[in-house]
N, C-alpha and C. Protein backbone atom coordinates (compact mmCIF):
# COMPACT_ATOMS: atom_id res chain seq x y z
N MET A 1 0.85 -1.17 0.00
CA MET A 1 0.00 0.00 0.00
C MET A 1 0.90 1.23 0.00
N SER A 2 0.58 2.17 -0.87
CA SER A 2 1.38 3.38 -0.98
C SER A 2 1.12 4.29 0.23
N TYR A 3 2.02 5.24 0.41
CA TYR A 3 1.88 6.20 1.49
C TYR A 3 0.57 6.97 1.35
N THR A 4 0.25 7.35 0.12
CA THR A 4 -0.97 8.13 -0.12
C THR A 4 -2.21 7.32 0.24
N ALA A 5 -2.26 6.08 -0.20
CA ALA A 5 -3.41 5.21 0.11
C ALA A 5 -3.51 4.98 1.62
N ALA A 6 -2.37 4.79 2.25
CA ALA A 6 -2.37 4.59 3.70
C ALA A 6 -2.88 5.83 4.44
N PHE A 7 -2.51 7.01 3.93
CA PHE A 7 -2.95 8.24 4.58
C PHE A 7 -4.44 8.47 4.36
N ILE A 8 -4.94 8.14 3.18
CA ILE A 8 -6.39 8.23 2.92
C ILE A 8 -7.13 7.32 3.90
N SER A 9 -6.61 6.12 4.11
CA SER A 9 -7.22 5.20 5.07
C SER A 9 -7.17 5.76 6.48
N GLU A 10 -6.05 6.38 6.83
CA GLU A 10 -5.90 6.97 8.16
C GLU A 10 -6.92 8.10 8.39
N LEU A 11 -7.10 8.94 7.37
CA LEU A 11 -8.09 10.02 7.48
C LEU A 11 -9.50 9.47 7.62
N THR A 12 -9.82 8.46 6.82
CA THR A 12 -11.15 7.85 6.86
C THR A 12 -11.40 7.17 8.21
N ARG A 13 -10.40 6.47 8.69
CA ARG A 13 -10.52 5.79 9.99
C ARG A 13 -10.71 6.82 11.11
N ALA A 14 -9.95 7.89 11.05
CA ALA A 14 -10.08 8.95 12.07
C ALA A 14 -11.47 9.57 12.00
N ALA A 15 -12.00 9.76 10.80
CA ALA A 15 -13.35 10.33 10.65
C ALA A 15 -14.40 9.40 11.25
N ASN A 16 -14.18 8.11 11.13
CA ASN A 16 -15.13 7.14 11.67
C ASN A 16 -14.99 6.94 13.17
N GLU A 17 -13.89 7.40 13.74
CA GLU A 17 -13.65 7.27 15.18
C GLU A 17 -13.37 8.64 15.80
N VAL A 18 -14.15 9.63 15.41
CA VAL A 18 -13.94 11.02 15.84
C VAL A 18 -13.93 11.14 17.35
N ASP A 19 -14.77 10.38 18.03
CA ASP A 19 -14.85 10.50 19.48
C ASP A 19 -13.56 10.09 20.18
N LYS A 20 -12.70 9.33 19.51
CA LYS A 20 -11.43 8.90 20.08
C LYS A 20 -10.27 9.84 19.71
N LEU A 21 -10.55 10.83 18.88
CA LEU A 21 -9.53 11.71 18.33
C LEU A 21 -9.30 12.92 19.24
N SER A 22 -8.05 13.15 19.62
CA SER A 22 -7.75 14.35 20.42
C SER A 22 -7.62 15.55 19.50
N THR A 23 -7.65 16.72 20.08
CA THR A 23 -7.52 17.96 19.30
C THR A 23 -6.17 18.00 18.60
N GLY A 24 -5.13 17.58 19.27
CA GLY A 24 -3.79 17.57 18.67
C GLY A 24 -3.70 16.61 17.50
N GLU A 25 -4.29 15.44 17.64
CA GLU A 25 -4.29 14.47 16.54
C GLU A 25 -5.05 15.02 15.34
N TYR A 26 -6.19 15.63 15.60
CA TYR A 26 -6.99 16.22 14.54
C TYR A 26 -6.20 17.31 13.82
N ARG A 27 -5.55 18.18 14.57
CA ARG A 27 -4.77 19.27 13.98
C ARG A 27 -3.65 18.72 13.10
N ARG A 28 -2.93 17.71 13.60
CA ARG A 28 -1.83 17.13 12.82
C ARG A 28 -2.33 16.49 11.54
N LEU A 29 -3.46 15.78 11.62
CA LEU A 29 -4.03 15.16 10.42
C LEU A 29 -4.40 16.21 9.38
N VAL A 30 -5.05 17.27 9.83
CA VAL A 30 -5.46 18.33 8.91
C VAL A 30 -4.24 19.00 8.29
N GLU A 31 -3.23 19.29 9.09
CA GLU A 31 -2.02 19.93 8.56
C GLU A 31 -1.34 19.05 7.53
N ARG A 32 -1.22 17.76 7.82
CA ARG A 32 -0.61 16.82 6.87
C ARG A 32 -1.42 16.74 5.59
N ALA A 33 -2.73 16.67 5.73
CA ALA A 33 -3.60 16.53 4.57
C ALA A 33 -3.56 17.77 3.69
N VAL A 34 -3.61 18.95 4.28
CA VAL A 34 -3.56 20.19 3.50
C VAL A 34 -2.22 20.29 2.78
N ARG A 35 -1.14 19.96 3.47
CA ARG A 35 0.18 19.99 2.84
C ARG A 35 0.24 18.99 1.67
N MET A 36 -0.32 17.80 1.88
CA MET A 36 -0.31 16.78 0.83
C MET A 36 -1.13 17.24 -0.38
N VAL A 37 -2.28 17.84 -0.14
CA VAL A 37 -3.11 18.33 -1.25
C VAL A 37 -2.34 19.37 -2.05
N ARG A 38 -1.70 20.29 -1.38
CA ARG A 38 -0.93 21.33 -2.08
C ARG A 38 0.20 20.72 -2.90
N GLU A 39 0.93 19.78 -2.31
CA GLU A 39 2.05 19.15 -3.02
C GLU A 39 1.56 18.34 -4.22
N MET A 40 0.45 17.63 -4.03
CA MET A 40 -0.08 16.81 -5.13
C MET A 40 -0.60 17.70 -6.26
N ARG A 41 -1.16 18.83 -5.92
CA ARG A 41 -1.62 19.76 -6.97
C ARG A 41 -0.44 20.28 -7.77
N LEU A 42 0.66 20.55 -7.10
CA LEU A 42 1.86 20.99 -7.82
C LEU A 42 2.37 19.87 -8.72
N GLU A 43 2.38 18.66 -8.18
CA GLU A 43 2.89 17.51 -8.92
C GLU A 43 2.03 17.18 -10.15
N THR A 44 0.73 17.33 -10.02
CA THR A 44 -0.16 17.02 -11.14
C THR A 44 -0.23 18.17 -12.14
N GLY A 45 0.32 19.31 -11.76
CA GLY A 45 0.25 20.45 -12.65
C GLY A 45 -1.10 21.12 -12.63
N THR A 46 -1.89 20.83 -11.60
CA THR A 46 -3.19 21.47 -11.47
C THR A 46 -2.96 22.94 -11.18
N ARG A 47 -3.39 23.75 -12.12
CA ARG A 47 -3.16 25.19 -11.96
C ARG A 47 -4.11 25.76 -10.92
N PRO A 48 -3.55 26.49 -10.00
CA PRO A 48 -4.42 27.09 -9.00
C PRO A 48 -5.30 28.17 -9.64
N SER A 49 -6.55 28.10 -9.36
CA SER A 49 -7.47 29.14 -9.81
C SER A 49 -8.07 29.77 -8.56
N ARG A 50 -8.79 30.81 -8.75
CA ARG A 50 -9.42 31.47 -7.61
C ARG A 50 -10.30 30.48 -6.85
N GLY A 51 -11.00 29.64 -7.56
CA GLY A 51 -11.88 28.65 -6.92
C GLY A 51 -11.12 27.67 -6.04
N ILE A 52 -9.97 27.24 -6.51
CA ILE A 52 -9.16 26.30 -5.73
C ILE A 52 -8.64 26.98 -4.47
N TYR A 53 -8.15 28.22 -4.62
CA TYR A 53 -7.67 28.94 -3.44
C TYR A 53 -8.79 29.14 -2.43
N VAL A 54 -9.96 29.50 -2.92
CA VAL A 54 -11.10 29.71 -2.03
C VAL A 54 -11.48 28.40 -1.36
N ALA A 55 -11.51 27.31 -2.11
CA ALA A 55 -11.88 26.01 -1.54
C ALA A 55 -10.88 25.59 -0.46
N MET A 56 -9.59 25.74 -0.73
CA MET A 56 -8.59 25.36 0.27
C MET A 56 -8.67 26.27 1.48
N GLY A 57 -8.86 27.56 1.25
CA GLY A 57 -8.99 28.49 2.36
C GLY A 57 -10.21 28.18 3.20
N ASP A 58 -11.33 27.91 2.53
CA ASP A 58 -12.56 27.56 3.24
C ASP A 58 -12.38 26.29 4.05
N LEU A 59 -11.68 25.32 3.47
CA LEU A 59 -11.45 24.06 4.18
C LEU A 59 -10.57 24.26 5.40
N GLU A 60 -9.53 25.06 5.26
CA GLU A 60 -8.65 25.33 6.41
C GLU A 60 -9.39 26.11 7.49
N ILE A 61 -10.23 27.07 7.09
CA ILE A 61 -11.02 27.82 8.07
C ILE A 61 -12.01 26.89 8.77
N ALA A 62 -12.65 26.02 7.99
CA ALA A 62 -13.59 25.06 8.57
C ALA A 62 -12.89 24.14 9.56
N ALA A 63 -11.66 23.73 9.22
CA ALA A 63 -10.89 22.87 10.11
C ALA A 63 -10.60 23.57 11.43
N LEU A 64 -10.21 24.84 11.36
CA LEU A 64 -9.93 25.59 12.59
C LEU A 64 -11.18 25.83 13.42
N MET A 65 -12.28 26.17 12.75
CA MET A 65 -13.54 26.41 13.46
C MET A 65 -14.04 25.12 14.10
N THR A 66 -13.89 24.02 13.39
CA THR A 66 -14.32 22.72 13.91
C THR A 66 -13.50 22.35 15.13
N GLU A 67 -12.21 22.62 15.06
CA GLU A 67 -11.33 22.34 16.20
C GLU A 67 -11.78 23.11 17.43
N ALA A 68 -12.15 24.36 17.23
CA ALA A 68 -12.59 25.19 18.35
C ALA A 68 -13.94 24.73 18.89
N ALA A 69 -14.85 24.34 18.00
CA ALA A 69 -16.20 23.95 18.42
C ALA A 69 -16.26 22.50 18.89
N ALA A 70 -15.35 21.68 18.41
CA ALA A 70 -15.30 20.26 18.76
C ALA A 70 -16.61 19.55 18.45
N ASN A 71 -17.21 19.88 17.31
CA ASN A 71 -18.43 19.21 16.85
C ASN A 71 -18.01 17.98 16.04
N ASN A 72 -18.34 16.80 16.53
CA ASN A 72 -17.90 15.56 15.89
C ASN A 72 -18.34 15.43 14.43
N ASP A 73 -19.55 15.87 14.12
CA ASP A 73 -20.03 15.77 12.74
C ASP A 73 -19.20 16.65 11.80
N GLU A 74 -18.84 17.83 12.26
CA GLU A 74 -18.04 18.74 11.45
C GLU A 74 -16.62 18.22 11.29
N VAL A 75 -16.05 17.67 12.36
CA VAL A 75 -14.71 17.08 12.29
C VAL A 75 -14.71 15.95 11.27
N GLU A 76 -15.71 15.11 11.34
CA GLU A 76 -15.83 14.00 10.39
C GLU A 76 -15.90 14.52 8.96
N GLY A 77 -16.69 15.56 8.75
CA GLY A 77 -16.84 16.13 7.42
C GLY A 77 -15.55 16.69 6.86
N VAL A 78 -14.80 17.39 7.69
CA VAL A 78 -13.52 17.96 7.24
C VAL A 78 -12.55 16.85 6.87
N LEU A 79 -12.44 15.83 7.70
CA LEU A 79 -11.51 14.73 7.43
C LEU A 79 -11.90 13.97 6.16
N LEU A 80 -13.18 13.70 5.99
CA LEU A 80 -13.64 12.99 4.79
C LEU A 80 -13.46 13.84 3.54
N ASN A 81 -13.66 15.14 3.66
CA ASN A 81 -13.46 16.04 2.53
C ASN A 81 -12.00 16.02 2.09
N LEU A 82 -11.09 16.09 3.05
CA LEU A 82 -9.66 16.04 2.73
C LEU A 82 -9.29 14.69 2.11
N ALA A 83 -9.82 13.61 2.67
CA ALA A 83 -9.54 12.28 2.11
C ALA A 83 -10.02 12.21 0.66
N GLY A 84 -11.18 12.77 0.38
CA GLY A 84 -11.71 12.77 -0.99
C GLY A 84 -10.85 13.57 -1.94
N MET A 85 -10.35 14.72 -1.48
CA MET A 85 -9.48 15.53 -2.32
C MET A 85 -8.19 14.79 -2.65
N ILE A 86 -7.61 14.15 -1.64
CA ILE A 86 -6.36 13.41 -1.85
C ILE A 86 -6.60 12.23 -2.79
N ARG A 87 -7.72 11.54 -2.60
CA ARG A 87 -8.07 10.40 -3.47
C ARG A 87 -8.19 10.85 -4.92
N ALA A 88 -8.88 11.96 -5.16
CA ALA A 88 -9.05 12.47 -6.52
C ALA A 88 -7.71 12.85 -7.15
N LEU A 89 -6.85 13.51 -6.36
CA LEU A 89 -5.54 13.89 -6.87
C LEU A 89 -4.67 12.67 -7.14
N LYS A 90 -4.79 11.64 -6.32
CA LYS A 90 -4.03 10.40 -6.54
C LYS A 90 -4.45 9.76 -7.86
N ILE A 91 -5.75 9.76 -8.12
CA ILE A 91 -6.24 9.22 -9.39
C ILE A 91 -5.68 10.01 -10.56
N MET A 92 -5.65 11.32 -10.43
CA MET A 92 -5.07 12.16 -11.48
C MET A 92 -3.59 11.84 -11.67
N MET A 93 -2.87 11.68 -10.57
CA MET A 93 -1.44 11.39 -10.66
C MET A 93 -1.20 10.03 -11.30
N ASP A 94 -1.98 9.03 -10.90
CA ASP A 94 -1.83 7.70 -11.48
C ASP A 94 -2.13 7.72 -12.97
N GLY A 95 -3.11 8.51 -13.38
CA GLY A 95 -3.45 8.64 -14.79
C GLY A 95 -2.34 9.29 -15.59
N LYS A 96 -1.71 10.31 -15.02
CA LYS A 96 -0.60 10.97 -15.71
C LYS A 96 0.58 10.04 -15.87
N ILE A 97 0.85 9.24 -14.86
CA ILE A 97 1.97 8.30 -14.94
C ILE A 97 1.71 7.29 -16.04
N ASP A 98 0.48 6.75 -16.12
CA ASP A 98 0.15 5.78 -17.16
C ASP A 98 0.27 6.38 -18.55
N VAL A 99 -0.14 7.63 -18.71
CA VAL A 99 -0.04 8.30 -20.00
C VAL A 99 1.41 8.48 -20.40
N ARG A 100 2.24 8.88 -19.45
CA ARG A 100 3.67 9.10 -19.75
C ARG A 100 4.35 7.79 -20.14
N LYS A 101 3.99 6.68 -19.48
CA LYS A 101 4.61 5.40 -19.77
C LYS A 101 4.27 4.92 -21.18
N SER A 102 3.07 5.24 -21.65
CA SER A 102 2.65 4.75 -22.96
C SER A 102 3.19 5.60 -24.10
N ASP A 103 3.75 6.78 -23.80
CA ASP A 103 4.29 7.65 -24.87
C ASP A 103 5.57 7.11 -25.45
C-alpha cells in the first residue's frame, strides 16, 4: 500500500472514530492533509485558480472552526473532505503516470 493510500485510510478511519480523536491528533491530520493536497496539486500540474484557493482556504477555516467547536459531525466532514481531495488527486497522478509510460 502506498503512502498516499495509507494516509487516505488513516483520514477515513479517524473520521469514523472522531470521538477517540484528540484535538492535537486532529490538527496534525489536517495539517498533513492540507500539505499533501498542495504538493499533489503541484505535482499534477493542477493550476491554481481562484476557486481552488477559495476552496482550500474555506477548508482550512472550517478545520480551525471545527477544532474550536469540537463538533464531531463537522470534524468527520472535514476529514472525509480532505480524504476525498487526496483520493481524486491520486487518481489524477496515477493517470498521468500511465499516459507518460505509454508515450
